[in-house]
Amino acid sequence: MKFLGASWEAPPSVKAFSTTRTGGTSEPPYASLNLGIHVGDQVDRVLANRALVRDALGWAAEPFWLDQVHGTRVVRVDASGADPRGADGAVTEVPGQPLVVLTADCLPVVACDRGATVVGAFHAGWRGLLAGILREGVAALGRPAPDLLFWIGPAIGPRSYQVGPEVREAYLAADPAYAGDFSPDGVGHWKFDLPGAALRQVRALGVGSVVQSRWDTFADPNFFSFRREGPCGRLGTFIALEKRGIS
């Protein structure tokens, strides 16, 4: 099992990382550290994989697993929990409560404030990004935007993500500035820089810092990629505030 730590400006008490596809119990086409229950894998294997991650990190609390629907709903997780159904984002101020988003090409985005008092995790495919999941995430974090830090984890890269004209037209209808995120890729197709579009969107929201990871899930076989090999498993991108008094 391998954890890829986020490289950003977060305080030491904020822990954020992504998994790869290795180190779990699932069999092909979900081999091996599949964390997604909804993709057709055996549920007992997925639960075993989730337990492996939790135990490796020494977490007492179960990570908050979202029921992602490519929407914009963000839930607040407190000591009594929250309803994950139909949510693509979560925020919490509870130390020791991990948050997680599951992806296999979409954007996993995590965030915190400079004072390490709140963290968030958001799932952004092209639909959710266009609809405003990250805008909703900034609002839900409840801190001044200049105090917020964002990290965009492993996702399909700009050289790998081919889309049709309907995606480009939807983005340009929302804001012509998105034109720079598309490049022609044959008749009727475009390459779309999804992480780049998210990066620019977060900056436009006034966030203090946003960092994009270097990993392309489509190009790197160490990751699950639905575009490359669907059906497939799901990666996890996690974030948590450490419990007070724990170094």
Protein backbone atom coordinates (compact mmCIF):
# COMPACT_ATOMS: atom_id res chain seq x y z
CA MET A 1 0.00 0.00 0.00
CA LYS A 2 1.31 3.41 -0.97
CA PHE A 3 0.09 6.83 0.12
CA LEU A 4 0.85 9.90 -2.01
CA GLY A 5 1.09 12.89 0.27
CA ALA A 6 -0.26 16.26 -0.81
CA SER A 7 2.47 18.79 -1.53
CA TRP A 8 0.99 22.12 -0.48
CA GLU A 9 1.15 24.83 2.19
CA ALA A 10 -1.15 23.18 4.73
CA PRO A 11 -0.22 23.29 8.45
CA PRO A 12 1.44 20.12 9.84
CA SER A 13 -1.73 19.19 11.73
CA VAL A 14 -3.61 18.75 8.45
CA LYS A 15 -2.98 15.39 6.78
CA ALA A 16 -3.95 14.91 3.13
CA PHE A 17 -3.01 12.14 0.70
CA SER A 18 -4.25 9.91 -2.12
CA THR A 19 -4.08 6.15 -2.49
CA THR A 20 -2.88 4.22 -5.52
CA ARG A 21 -4.44 1.02 -6.83
CA THR A 22 -2.00 -1.32 -5.06
CA GLY A 23 -2.02 -3.02 -1.67
CA GLY A 24 -5.61 -4.26 -1.39
CA THR A 25 -7.69 -7.42 -1.62
CA SER A 26 -9.84 -6.85 -4.71
CA GLU A 27 -9.50 -8.95 -7.86
CA PRO A 28 -9.49 -7.77 -11.50
CA PRO A 29 -10.87 -5.54 -12.87
CA TYR A 30 -10.81 -3.87 -9.44
CA ALA A 31 -7.34 -4.98 -8.38
CA SER A 32 -6.42 -4.29 -5.84
CA LEU A 33 -7.05 -1.36 -3.43
CA ASN A 34 -10.52 -0.48 -4.69
CA LEU A 35 -12.34 1.77 -2.20
CA GLY A 36 -15.60 2.16 -4.13
CA ILE A 37 -18.58 0.02 -3.12
CA HIS A 38 -20.72 1.23 -6.04
CA VAL A 39 -18.57 -0.06 -8.93
CA GLY A 40 -19.49 -3.78 -8.92
CA ASP A 41 -16.72 -5.15 -6.72
CA GLN A 42 -17.46 -7.59 -3.90
CA VAL A 43 -18.59 -5.53 -0.93
CA ASP A 44 -16.60 -7.57 1.59
CA ARG A 45 -13.40 -6.90 -0.32
CA VAL A 46 -14.11 -3.16 -0.52
CA LEU A 47 -14.79 -3.03 3.21
CA ALA A 48 -11.55 -4.93 3.85
CA ASN A 49 -9.66 -2.42 1.68
CA ARG A 50 -11.18 0.50 3.57
CA ALA A 51 -10.18 -1.11 6.86
CA LEU A 52 -6.62 -1.56 5.58
CA VAL A 53 -6.34 2.17 4.90
CA ARG A 54 -7.92 3.15 8.21
CA ASP A 55 -5.68 0.80 10.19
CA ALA A 56 -2.53 1.87 8.33
CA LEU A 57 -3.21 5.46 9.35
CA GLY A 58 -4.17 4.54 12.90
CA TRP A 59 -7.53 6.29 12.66
CA ALA A 60 -10.11 5.50 15.32
CA ALA A 61 -12.91 7.17 13.36
CA GLU A 62 -14.30 5.77 10.12
CA PRO A 63 -13.66 8.12 7.18
CA PHE A 64 -16.79 9.89 5.93
CA TRP A 65 -17.65 8.14 2.65
CA LEU A 66 -19.69 10.31 0.30
CA ASP A 67 -22.43 9.01 -2.00
CA GLN A 68 -21.23 11.05 -4.97
CA VAL A 69 -23.63 12.03 -7.77
CA HIS A 70 -21.68 14.66 -9.79
CA GLY A 71 -23.60 17.43 -8.07
CA THR A 72 -22.88 20.39 -5.82
CA ARG A 73 -24.22 19.38 -2.40
CA VAL A 74 -21.70 19.85 0.43
CA VAL A 75 -22.47 18.48 3.89
CA ARG A 76 -21.08 19.48 7.29
CA VAL A 77 -19.80 16.55 9.34
CA ASP A 78 -20.02 17.11 13.09
CA ALA A 79 -19.73 14.81 16.09
CA SER A 80 -23.06 13.19 15.25
CA GLY A 81 -22.12 12.55 11.60
CA ALA A 82 -24.02 13.65 8.49
CA ASP A 83 -26.05 12.28 5.59
CA PRO A 84 -23.70 11.35 2.72
CA ARG A 85 -26.47 10.65 0.22
CA GLY A 86 -26.33 12.77 -2.89
CA ALA A 87 -23.32 14.73 -1.67
CA ASP A 88 -20.13 15.53 -3.56
CA GLY A 89 -18.42 17.43 -0.77
CA ALA A 90 -17.95 17.48 2.97
CA VAL A 91 -16.38 19.81 5.52
CA THR A 92 -15.60 19.25 9.18
CA GLU A 93 -14.10 20.99 12.17
CA VAL A 94 -13.89 17.72 14.13
CA PRO A 95 -10.29 16.65 14.85
CA GLY A 96 -9.71 13.01 14.02
CA GLN A 97 -12.62 12.78 11.55
CA PRO A 98 -11.22 11.92 8.09
CA LEU A 99 -13.01 12.99 4.92
CA VAL A 100 -12.60 11.21 1.58
CA VAL A 101 -13.58 11.51 -2.07
CA LEU A 102 -13.43 8.62 -4.53
CA THR A 103 -12.26 9.07 -8.11
CA ALA A 104 -11.02 7.26 -11.21
CA ASP A 105 -10.23 10.31 -13.42
CA CYS A 106 -12.40 13.04 -11.88
CA LEU A 107 -10.84 15.70 -9.68
CA PRO A 108 -10.34 14.99 -5.98
CA VAL A 109 -9.99 18.36 -4.26
CA VAL A 110 -9.15 18.91 -0.59
CA ALA A 111 -8.92 22.14 1.37
CA CYS A 112 -8.18 23.62 4.76
CA ASP A 113 -7.64 27.01 6.36
CA ARG A 114 -4.26 28.37 7.43
CA GLY A 115 -5.22 28.03 11.07
CA ALA A 116 -6.04 24.31 10.71
CA THR A 117 -9.55 24.70 12.13
CA VAL A 118 -11.54 23.25 9.23
CA VAL A 119 -10.98 20.83 6.33
CA GLY A 120 -12.98 19.91 3.26
CA ALA A 121 -13.04 17.29 0.51
CA PHE A 122 -14.81 17.73 -2.83
CA HIS A 123 -15.47 15.57 -5.91
CA ALA A 124 -15.41 17.46 -9.20
CA GLY A 125 -16.06 15.88 -12.56
CA TRP A 126 -16.70 18.15 -15.52
CA ARG A 127 -20.39 18.47 -14.63
CA GLY A 128 -19.82 19.20 -10.96
CA LEU A 129 -17.04 21.66 -11.65
CA LEU A 130 -19.19 23.57 -14.13
CA ALA A 131 -22.18 23.51 -11.77
CA GLY A 132 -20.16 25.03 -8.93
CA ILE A 133 -19.07 22.31 -6.49
CA LEU A 134 -15.88 24.20 -5.63
CA ARG A 135 -17.75 27.48 -5.15
CA GLU A 136 -20.08 25.66 -2.76
CA GLY A 137 -17.05 24.16 -1.06
CA VAL A 138 -15.47 27.56 -0.42
CA ALA A 139 -18.73 28.79 1.07
CA ALA A 140 -19.15 25.68 3.25
CA LEU A 141 -15.66 25.98 4.72
CA GLY A 142 -16.83 29.20 6.34
CA ARG A 143 -13.52 31.06 6.39
CA PRO A 144 -12.33 34.10 4.41
CA ALA A 145 -11.23 32.90 0.98
CA PRO A 146 -7.67 34.34 1.31
CA ASP A 147 -7.20 32.11 4.38
CA LEU A 148 -8.05 28.92 2.44
CA LEU A 149 -5.62 26.44 0.89
CA PHE A 150 -6.64 23.97 -1.84
CA TRP A 151 -4.96 20.88 -3.31
CA ILE A 152 -6.08 19.13 -6.51
CA GLY A 153 -5.12 15.46 -6.34
CA PRO A 154 -4.52 12.78 -9.00
CA ALA A 155 -6.86 13.20 -11.98
CA ILE A 156 -6.99 12.80 -15.73
CA GLY A 157 -4.54 15.22 -17.33
CA PRO A 158 -4.90 17.73 -20.16
CA ARG A 159 -3.16 15.47 -22.68
CA SER A 160 -5.41 12.53 -21.85
CA TYR A 161 -8.96 13.85 -21.50
CA GLN A 162 -10.81 13.89 -24.82
CA VAL A 163 -14.32 15.34 -24.80
CA GLY A 164 -17.01 16.09 -27.34
CA PRO A 165 -18.30 19.49 -28.42
CA GLU A 166 -21.13 19.43 -25.87
CA VAL A 167 -18.64 19.75 -23.00
CA ARG A 168 -16.79 22.64 -24.59
CA GLU A 169 -20.00 24.41 -25.54
CA ALA A 170 -21.36 24.10 -22.00
CA TYR A 171 -18.23 25.63 -20.53
CA LEU A 172 -18.01 28.45 -23.06
CA ALA A 173 -21.67 29.28 -22.50
CA ALA A 174 -20.88 29.72 -18.81
CA ASP A 175 -17.72 31.75 -19.38
CA PRO A 176 -15.83 32.35 -22.66
CA ALA A 177 -12.58 32.41 -20.63
CA TYR A 178 -12.74 28.60 -20.52
CA ALA A 179 -11.72 28.55 -24.21
CA GLY A 180 -8.08 28.33 -23.15
CA ASP A 181 -8.74 25.03 -21.39
CA PHE A 182 -9.65 23.27 -24.66
CA SER A 183 -7.44 22.30 -27.60
CA PRO A 184 -8.56 20.63 -30.87
CA ASP A 185 -8.13 16.85 -31.00
CA GLY A 186 -9.49 15.70 -34.34
CA VAL A 187 -12.83 16.37 -35.95
CA GLY A 188 -15.50 17.06 -33.35
CA HIS A 189 -13.26 16.36 -30.37
CA TRP A 190 -11.25 18.39 -27.90
CA LYS A 191 -8.68 17.82 -25.21
CA PHE A 192 -9.88 19.39 -21.96
CA ASP A 193 -7.62 20.56 -19.15
CA LEU A 194 -10.01 19.73 -16.32
CA PRO A 195 -7.47 20.32 -13.51
CA GLY A 196 -6.44 23.60 -15.12
CA ALA A 197 -10.04 24.77 -15.31
CA ALA A 198 -10.47 23.96 -11.62
CA LEU A 199 -7.22 25.73 -10.76
CA ARG A 200 -8.35 28.91 -12.49
CA GLN A 201 -11.84 28.66 -10.99
CA VAL A 202 -10.51 28.38 -7.43
CA ARG A 203 -8.16 31.31 -7.97
CA ALA A 204 -11.08 33.39 -9.24
CA LEU A 205 -12.86 32.66 -5.97
CA GLY A 206 -10.04 34.46 -4.15
CA VAL A 207 -8.57 31.40 -2.42
CA GLY A 208 -5.17 32.09 -0.85
CA SER A 209 -3.33 29.16 -2.42
CA VAL A 210 -4.17 26.31 -4.78
CA VAL A 211 -1.74 23.59 -5.87
CA GLN A 212 -2.28 21.03 -8.62
CA SER A 213 -0.71 17.57 -8.28
CA ARG A 214 1.49 16.19 -11.05
CA TRP A 215 -0.28 12.80 -11.38
CA ASP A 216 -2.33 11.88 -14.46
CA THR A 217 -4.61 8.93 -13.66
CA PHE A 218 -5.12 8.02 -17.32
CA ALA A 219 -1.42 8.00 -18.21
CA ASP A 220 -0.17 6.26 -15.04
CA PRO A 221 -1.14 2.57 -14.56
CA ASN A 222 -0.59 2.90 -10.81
CA PHE A 223 -4.01 4.61 -10.70
CA PHE A 224 -7.49 3.48 -11.55
CA SER A 225 -8.79 5.21 -14.70
CA PHE A 226 -12.33 4.72 -15.94
CA ARG A 227 -11.43 6.26 -19.29
CA ARG A 228 -8.54 3.82 -19.74
CA GLU A 229 -10.05 0.61 -18.40
CA GLY A 230 -13.60 0.95 -17.07
CA PRO A 231 -15.06 -0.84 -15.21
CA CYS A 232 -12.45 -0.31 -12.55
CA GLY A 233 -11.92 0.53 -8.89
CA ARG A 234 -11.77 3.91 -7.20
CA LEU A 235 -8.91 5.79 -5.56
CA GLY A 236 -9.35 7.61 -2.30
CA THR A 237 -8.17 11.13 -1.53
CA PHE A 238 -8.30 11.81 2.21
CA ILE A 239 -7.95 14.79 4.51
CA ALA A 240 -8.14 15.02 8.29
CA LEU A 241 -7.36 17.36 11.16
CA GLU A 242 -5.16 15.63 13.68
CA LYS A 243 -6.61 15.22 17.13
CA ARG A 244 -5.38 17.87 19.50
CA GLY A 245 -2.36 16.82 21.49
CA ILE A 246 -1.24 14.27 18.87
CA SER A 247 1.91 15.04 16.88
